[in-house]
């Protein structure tokens, strides 16, 4: 789990190409579909959310959507489980707010 997360987080930051950043975010979003993936996401919440939020403003709408999807999936995982705490909820809400504030209106 940690090696996959380390790889995906490394792809979220430049100099990784935009397509690699997009695919890394989509992989993280899809991990929420399965119990083992949800556990990995929860265990690495801080580094993942801060890495995604740290990329804003995003280079294009597809990356914005992927970032919002990861944060939306985090909110579902956190609210549907019993393992979350107030810190988890606050970080995801703060991240979602940051993404919403930087989204381009078109």
N, C-alpha and C. Protein backbone atom coordinates (compact mmCIF):
# COMPACT_ATOMS: atom_id res chain seq x y z
N UNK A 1 0.79 -1.19 0.00
CA UNK A 1 0.00 0.00 0.00
C UNK A 1 0.83 1.26 0.00
N UNK A 2 1.84 1.34 0.89
CA UNK A 2 2.63 2.57 0.99
C UNK A 2 3.42 2.86 -0.28
N UNK A 3 3.94 1.82 -0.93
CA UNK A 3 4.73 2.05 -2.14
C UNK A 3 3.84 2.57 -3.27
N UNK A 4 2.61 2.08 -3.35
CA UNK A 4 1.68 2.58 -4.37
C UNK A 4 1.34 4.04 -4.09
N UNK A 5 1.04 4.35 -2.84
CA UNK A 5 0.71 5.74 -2.48
C UNK A 5 1.90 6.66 -2.74
N UNK A 6 3.10 6.23 -2.37
CA UNK A 6 4.29 7.05 -2.62
C UNK A 6 4.46 7.34 -4.10
N UNK A 7 4.24 6.32 -4.94
CA UNK A 7 4.36 6.51 -6.38
C UNK A 7 3.29 7.48 -6.88
N UNK A 8 2.04 7.26 -6.48
CA UNK A 8 0.96 8.13 -6.95
C UNK A 8 1.15 9.57 -6.48
N UNK A 9 1.56 9.75 -5.24
CA UNK A 9 1.78 11.11 -4.72
C UNK A 9 2.93 11.78 -5.48
N UNK A 10 3.96 11.02 -5.82
CA UNK A 10 5.08 11.61 -6.58
C UNK A 10 4.62 12.05 -7.97
N UNK A 11 3.60 11.39 -8.51
CA UNK A 11 3.08 11.76 -9.83
C UNK A 11 2.12 12.94 -9.78
N UNK A 12 1.72 13.33 -8.60
CA UNK A 12 0.80 14.47 -8.47
C UNK A 12 1.51 15.81 -8.64
N UNK A 13 2.82 15.81 -8.52
CA UNK A 13 3.59 17.06 -8.51
C UNK A 13 4.42 17.20 -9.79
N UNK A 14 4.59 18.45 -10.24
CA UNK A 14 5.55 18.66 -11.31
C UNK A 14 6.92 18.20 -10.84
N UNK A 15 7.76 17.70 -11.69
CA UNK A 15 7.73 17.77 -13.14
C UNK A 15 6.94 16.66 -13.82
N UNK A 16 6.11 15.94 -13.11
CA UNK A 16 5.29 14.90 -13.75
C UNK A 16 4.38 15.55 -14.80
N UNK A 17 4.25 14.91 -15.95
CA UNK A 17 3.37 15.46 -16.99
C UNK A 17 1.92 15.55 -16.48
N UNK A 18 1.16 16.44 -17.06
CA UNK A 18 -0.23 16.64 -16.65
C UNK A 18 -1.02 15.34 -16.77
N UNK A 19 -0.78 14.58 -17.84
CA UNK A 19 -1.51 13.31 -18.01
C UNK A 19 -1.20 12.34 -16.87
N UNK A 20 0.03 12.32 -16.40
CA UNK A 20 0.39 11.45 -15.27
C UNK A 20 -0.29 11.93 -13.99
N UNK A 21 -0.36 13.24 -13.80
CA UNK A 21 -1.06 13.79 -12.63
C UNK A 21 -2.53 13.39 -12.66
N UNK A 22 -3.14 13.49 -13.83
CA UNK A 22 -4.54 13.13 -13.99
C UNK A 22 -4.77 11.65 -13.70
N UNK A 23 -3.93 10.80 -14.24
CA UNK A 23 -4.08 9.36 -14.00
C UNK A 23 -3.85 9.00 -12.54
N UNK A 24 -2.91 9.66 -11.88
CA UNK A 24 -2.67 9.40 -10.46
C UNK A 24 -3.90 9.76 -9.64
N UNK A 25 -4.52 10.90 -9.95
CA UNK A 25 -5.73 11.30 -9.23
C UNK A 25 -6.87 10.33 -9.49
N UNK A 26 -6.99 9.87 -10.72
CA UNK A 26 -8.04 8.90 -11.04
C UNK A 26 -7.82 7.57 -10.32
N UNK A 27 -6.57 7.14 -10.22
CA UNK A 27 -6.27 5.92 -9.46
C UNK A 27 -6.67 6.08 -8.00
N UNK A 28 -6.33 7.22 -7.42
CA UNK A 28 -6.70 7.48 -6.02
C UNK A 28 -8.22 7.50 -5.86
N UNK A 29 -8.91 8.12 -6.80
CA UNK A 29 -10.37 8.17 -6.73
C UNK A 29 -10.97 6.77 -6.80
N UNK A 30 -10.43 5.94 -7.67
CA UNK A 30 -10.97 4.59 -7.85
C UNK A 30 -10.66 3.67 -6.68
N UNK A 31 -9.64 3.98 -5.91
CA UNK A 31 -9.32 3.15 -4.74
C UNK A 31 -10.46 3.15 -3.73
N UNK A 32 -11.28 4.18 -3.73
CA UNK A 32 -12.38 4.28 -2.77
C UNK A 32 -13.49 3.28 -3.06
N UNK A 33 -13.43 2.60 -4.19
CA UNK A 33 -14.49 1.65 -4.56
C UNK A 33 -14.36 0.31 -3.85
N UNK A 34 -13.21 0.04 -3.23
CA UNK A 34 -12.97 -1.27 -2.63
C UNK A 34 -12.47 -1.12 -1.20
N UNK A 35 -12.90 -2.01 -0.30
CA UNK A 35 -12.48 -1.90 1.11
C UNK A 35 -10.97 -1.79 1.33
N UNK A 36 -10.13 -2.61 0.67
CA UNK A 36 -8.69 -2.43 0.90
C UNK A 36 -8.19 -1.05 0.45
N UNK A 37 -8.73 -0.56 -0.65
CA UNK A 37 -8.36 0.77 -1.14
C UNK A 37 -8.79 1.87 -0.18
N UNK A 38 -9.99 1.72 0.38
CA UNK A 38 -10.47 2.70 1.35
C UNK A 38 -9.56 2.75 2.58
N UNK A 39 -9.12 1.58 3.02
CA UNK A 39 -8.21 1.54 4.18
C UNK A 39 -6.90 2.25 3.88
N UNK A 40 -6.37 2.04 2.68
CA UNK A 40 -5.12 2.69 2.28
C UNK A 40 -5.33 4.20 2.19
N UNK A 41 -6.45 4.61 1.62
CA UNK A 41 -6.74 6.05 1.52
C UNK A 41 -6.83 6.69 2.89
N UNK A 42 -7.53 6.04 3.81
CA UNK A 42 -7.67 6.60 5.16
C UNK A 42 -6.32 6.68 5.87
N UNK A 43 -5.50 5.67 5.69
CA UNK A 43 -4.20 5.64 6.36
C UNK A 43 -3.25 6.72 5.83
N UNK A 44 -3.49 7.17 4.60
CA UNK A 44 -2.61 8.15 3.97
C UNK A 44 -3.32 9.46 3.65
N UNK A 45 -4.41 9.72 4.33
CA UNK A 45 -5.24 10.89 4.06
C UNK A 45 -4.46 12.19 4.04
N UNK A 46 -3.66 12.41 5.04
CA UNK A 46 -2.98 13.70 5.18
C UNK A 46 -2.08 14.01 3.98
N UNK A 47 -1.25 13.06 3.60
CA UNK A 47 -0.31 13.31 2.49
C UNK A 47 -1.05 13.40 1.15
N UNK A 48 -2.09 12.59 0.96
CA UNK A 48 -2.82 12.62 -0.31
C UNK A 48 -3.59 13.93 -0.45
N UNK A 49 -4.37 14.28 0.56
CA UNK A 49 -5.18 15.50 0.46
C UNK A 49 -4.29 16.73 0.33
N UNK A 50 -3.23 16.80 1.11
CA UNK A 50 -2.36 17.98 1.01
C UNK A 50 -1.65 18.04 -0.34
N UNK A 51 -1.31 16.90 -0.93
CA UNK A 51 -0.68 16.90 -2.25
C UNK A 51 -1.66 17.34 -3.33
N UNK A 52 -2.89 16.89 -3.24
CA UNK A 52 -3.89 17.28 -4.24
C UNK A 52 -4.22 18.77 -4.12
N UNK A 53 -4.43 19.23 -2.92
CA UNK A 53 -4.76 20.64 -2.71
C UNK A 53 -3.56 21.52 -3.07
N UNK A 54 -2.36 21.02 -2.84
CA UNK A 54 -1.15 21.78 -3.14
C UNK A 54 -0.94 22.04 -4.62
N UNK A 55 -1.64 21.32 -5.47
CA UNK A 55 -1.50 21.51 -6.92
C UNK A 55 -2.40 22.61 -7.46
N UNK A 56 -3.33 23.11 -6.65
CA UNK A 56 -4.24 24.14 -7.15
C UNK A 56 -3.50 25.48 -7.26
N UNK A 57 -3.85 26.32 -8.21
CA UNK A 57 -4.88 26.13 -9.23
C UNK A 57 -4.44 25.11 -10.27
N UNK A 58 -5.39 24.38 -10.77
CA UNK A 58 -5.11 23.27 -11.67
C UNK A 58 -4.96 23.74 -13.10
N UNK A 59 -4.21 22.95 -13.87
CA UNK A 59 -3.87 23.36 -15.23
C UNK A 59 -5.04 23.25 -16.20
N UNK A 60 -5.98 22.37 -15.93
CA UNK A 60 -7.14 22.27 -16.81
C UNK A 60 -8.33 21.68 -16.08
N UNK A 61 -9.46 21.71 -16.74
CA UNK A 61 -10.72 21.28 -16.13
C UNK A 61 -10.70 19.80 -15.77
N UNK A 62 -10.06 18.96 -16.57
CA UNK A 62 -10.01 17.52 -16.26
C UNK A 62 -9.29 17.25 -14.95
N UNK A 63 -8.22 17.98 -14.70
CA UNK A 63 -7.49 17.81 -13.45
C UNK A 63 -8.32 18.34 -12.28
N UNK A 64 -9.03 19.44 -12.50
CA UNK A 64 -9.94 19.95 -11.46
C UNK A 64 -10.99 18.91 -11.08
N UNK A 65 -11.58 18.29 -12.09
CA UNK A 65 -12.61 17.28 -11.86
C UNK A 65 -12.02 16.08 -11.13
N UNK A 66 -10.84 15.64 -11.53
CA UNK A 66 -10.20 14.50 -10.86
C UNK A 66 -9.89 14.82 -9.40
N UNK A 67 -9.41 16.03 -9.13
CA UNK A 67 -9.11 16.43 -7.75
C UNK A 67 -10.39 16.47 -6.92
N UNK A 68 -11.44 17.05 -7.49
CA UNK A 68 -12.72 17.11 -6.79
C UNK A 68 -13.28 15.72 -6.53
N UNK A 69 -13.08 14.80 -7.47
CA UNK A 69 -13.56 13.43 -7.31
C UNK A 69 -12.85 12.72 -6.17
N UNK A 70 -11.54 12.89 -6.08
CA UNK A 70 -10.80 12.27 -4.97
C UNK A 70 -11.34 12.79 -3.64
N UNK A 71 -11.53 14.10 -3.54
CA UNK A 71 -12.01 14.68 -2.29
C UNK A 71 -13.46 14.28 -2.00
N UNK A 72 -14.29 14.18 -3.03
CA UNK A 72 -15.66 13.70 -2.84
C UNK A 72 -15.65 12.26 -2.33
N UNK A 73 -14.82 11.42 -2.93
CA UNK A 73 -14.74 10.03 -2.48
C UNK A 73 -14.22 9.94 -1.05
N UNK A 74 -13.29 10.81 -0.70
CA UNK A 74 -12.82 10.85 0.69
C UNK A 74 -13.98 11.19 1.63
N UNK A 75 -14.80 12.14 1.24
CA UNK A 75 -15.91 12.52 2.12
C UNK A 75 -16.89 11.37 2.29
N UNK A 76 -17.11 10.59 1.25
CA UNK A 76 -18.00 9.43 1.35
C UNK A 76 -17.37 8.37 2.25
N UNK A 77 -16.10 8.09 2.05
CA UNK A 77 -15.41 7.09 2.87
C UNK A 77 -15.42 7.50 4.34
N UNK A 78 -15.14 8.76 4.60
CA UNK A 78 -15.06 9.23 5.98
C UNK A 78 -16.43 9.19 6.66
N UNK A 79 -17.46 9.61 5.96
CA UNK A 79 -18.78 9.65 6.59
C UNK A 79 -19.46 8.29 6.68
N UNK A 80 -19.03 7.34 5.86
CA UNK A 80 -19.67 6.02 5.89
C UNK A 80 -18.98 5.05 6.85
N UNK A 81 -17.81 5.41 7.33
CA UNK A 81 -17.07 4.53 8.24
C UNK A 81 -17.13 5.01 9.67
N UNK A 82 -16.61 4.17 10.53
CA UNK A 82 -16.57 4.53 11.95
C UNK A 82 -15.17 4.96 12.37
N UNK A 83 -14.21 4.91 11.43
CA UNK A 83 -12.81 5.18 11.76
C UNK A 83 -12.45 6.65 11.71
N UNK A 84 -13.32 7.50 11.16
CA UNK A 84 -12.94 8.89 10.96
C UNK A 84 -13.10 9.71 12.24
N UNK A 85 -12.40 10.81 12.26
CA UNK A 85 -12.54 11.74 13.37
C UNK A 85 -12.71 13.15 12.82
N UNK A 86 -12.82 14.09 13.70
CA UNK A 86 -13.05 15.47 13.30
C UNK A 86 -11.90 16.02 12.45
N UNK A 87 -10.68 15.62 12.75
CA UNK A 87 -9.54 16.08 11.97
C UNK A 87 -9.65 15.62 10.52
N UNK A 88 -10.03 14.34 10.31
CA UNK A 88 -10.23 13.82 8.95
C UNK A 88 -11.25 14.67 8.20
N UNK A 89 -12.38 14.89 8.84
CA UNK A 89 -13.47 15.63 8.21
C UNK A 89 -13.06 17.06 7.90
N UNK A 90 -12.36 17.70 8.81
CA UNK A 90 -11.93 19.09 8.60
C UNK A 90 -10.93 19.21 7.46
N UNK A 91 -9.99 18.27 7.36
CA UNK A 91 -9.00 18.35 6.30
C UNK A 91 -9.65 18.17 4.93
N UNK A 92 -10.56 17.20 4.82
CA UNK A 92 -11.23 16.97 3.54
C UNK A 92 -12.11 18.16 3.18
N UNK A 93 -12.84 18.71 4.13
CA UNK A 93 -13.68 19.88 3.87
C UNK A 93 -12.83 21.07 3.46
N UNK A 94 -11.72 21.28 4.13
CA UNK A 94 -10.81 22.37 3.78
C UNK A 94 -10.25 22.18 2.37
N UNK A 95 -9.88 20.94 2.05
CA UNK A 95 -9.38 20.65 0.71
C UNK A 95 -10.43 20.89 -0.36
N UNK A 96 -11.65 20.45 -0.09
CA UNK A 96 -12.74 20.66 -1.06
C UNK A 96 -13.00 22.15 -1.26
N UNK A 97 -12.92 22.92 -0.19
CA UNK A 97 -13.10 24.37 -0.30
C UNK A 97 -12.00 24.99 -1.15
N UNK A 98 -10.78 24.55 -0.95
CA UNK A 98 -9.66 25.08 -1.74
C UNK A 98 -9.82 24.76 -3.21
N UNK A 99 -10.25 23.53 -3.51
CA UNK A 99 -10.47 23.15 -4.91
C UNK A 99 -11.59 23.98 -5.51
N UNK A 100 -12.68 24.15 -4.77
CA UNK A 100 -13.82 24.93 -5.27
C UNK A 100 -13.42 26.39 -5.54
N UNK A 101 -12.58 26.94 -4.69
CA UNK A 101 -12.18 28.34 -4.84
C UNK A 101 -11.30 28.58 -6.06
N UNK A 102 -10.58 27.56 -6.50
CA UNK A 102 -9.65 27.77 -7.61
C UNK A 102 -10.21 27.29 -8.94
N UNK A 103 -11.38 26.68 -8.94
CA UNK A 103 -11.94 26.17 -10.19
C UNK A 103 -12.25 27.32 -11.14
N UNK A 104 -11.95 27.07 -12.39
CA UNK A 104 -12.20 28.06 -13.43
C UNK A 104 -13.67 28.00 -13.83
N UNK A 105 -14.27 29.15 -13.97
CA UNK A 105 -15.66 29.21 -14.43
C UNK A 105 -15.62 29.43 -15.93
N UNK A 106 -16.34 28.54 -16.64
CA UNK A 106 -16.35 28.71 -18.10
C UNK A 106 -17.72 28.45 -18.66
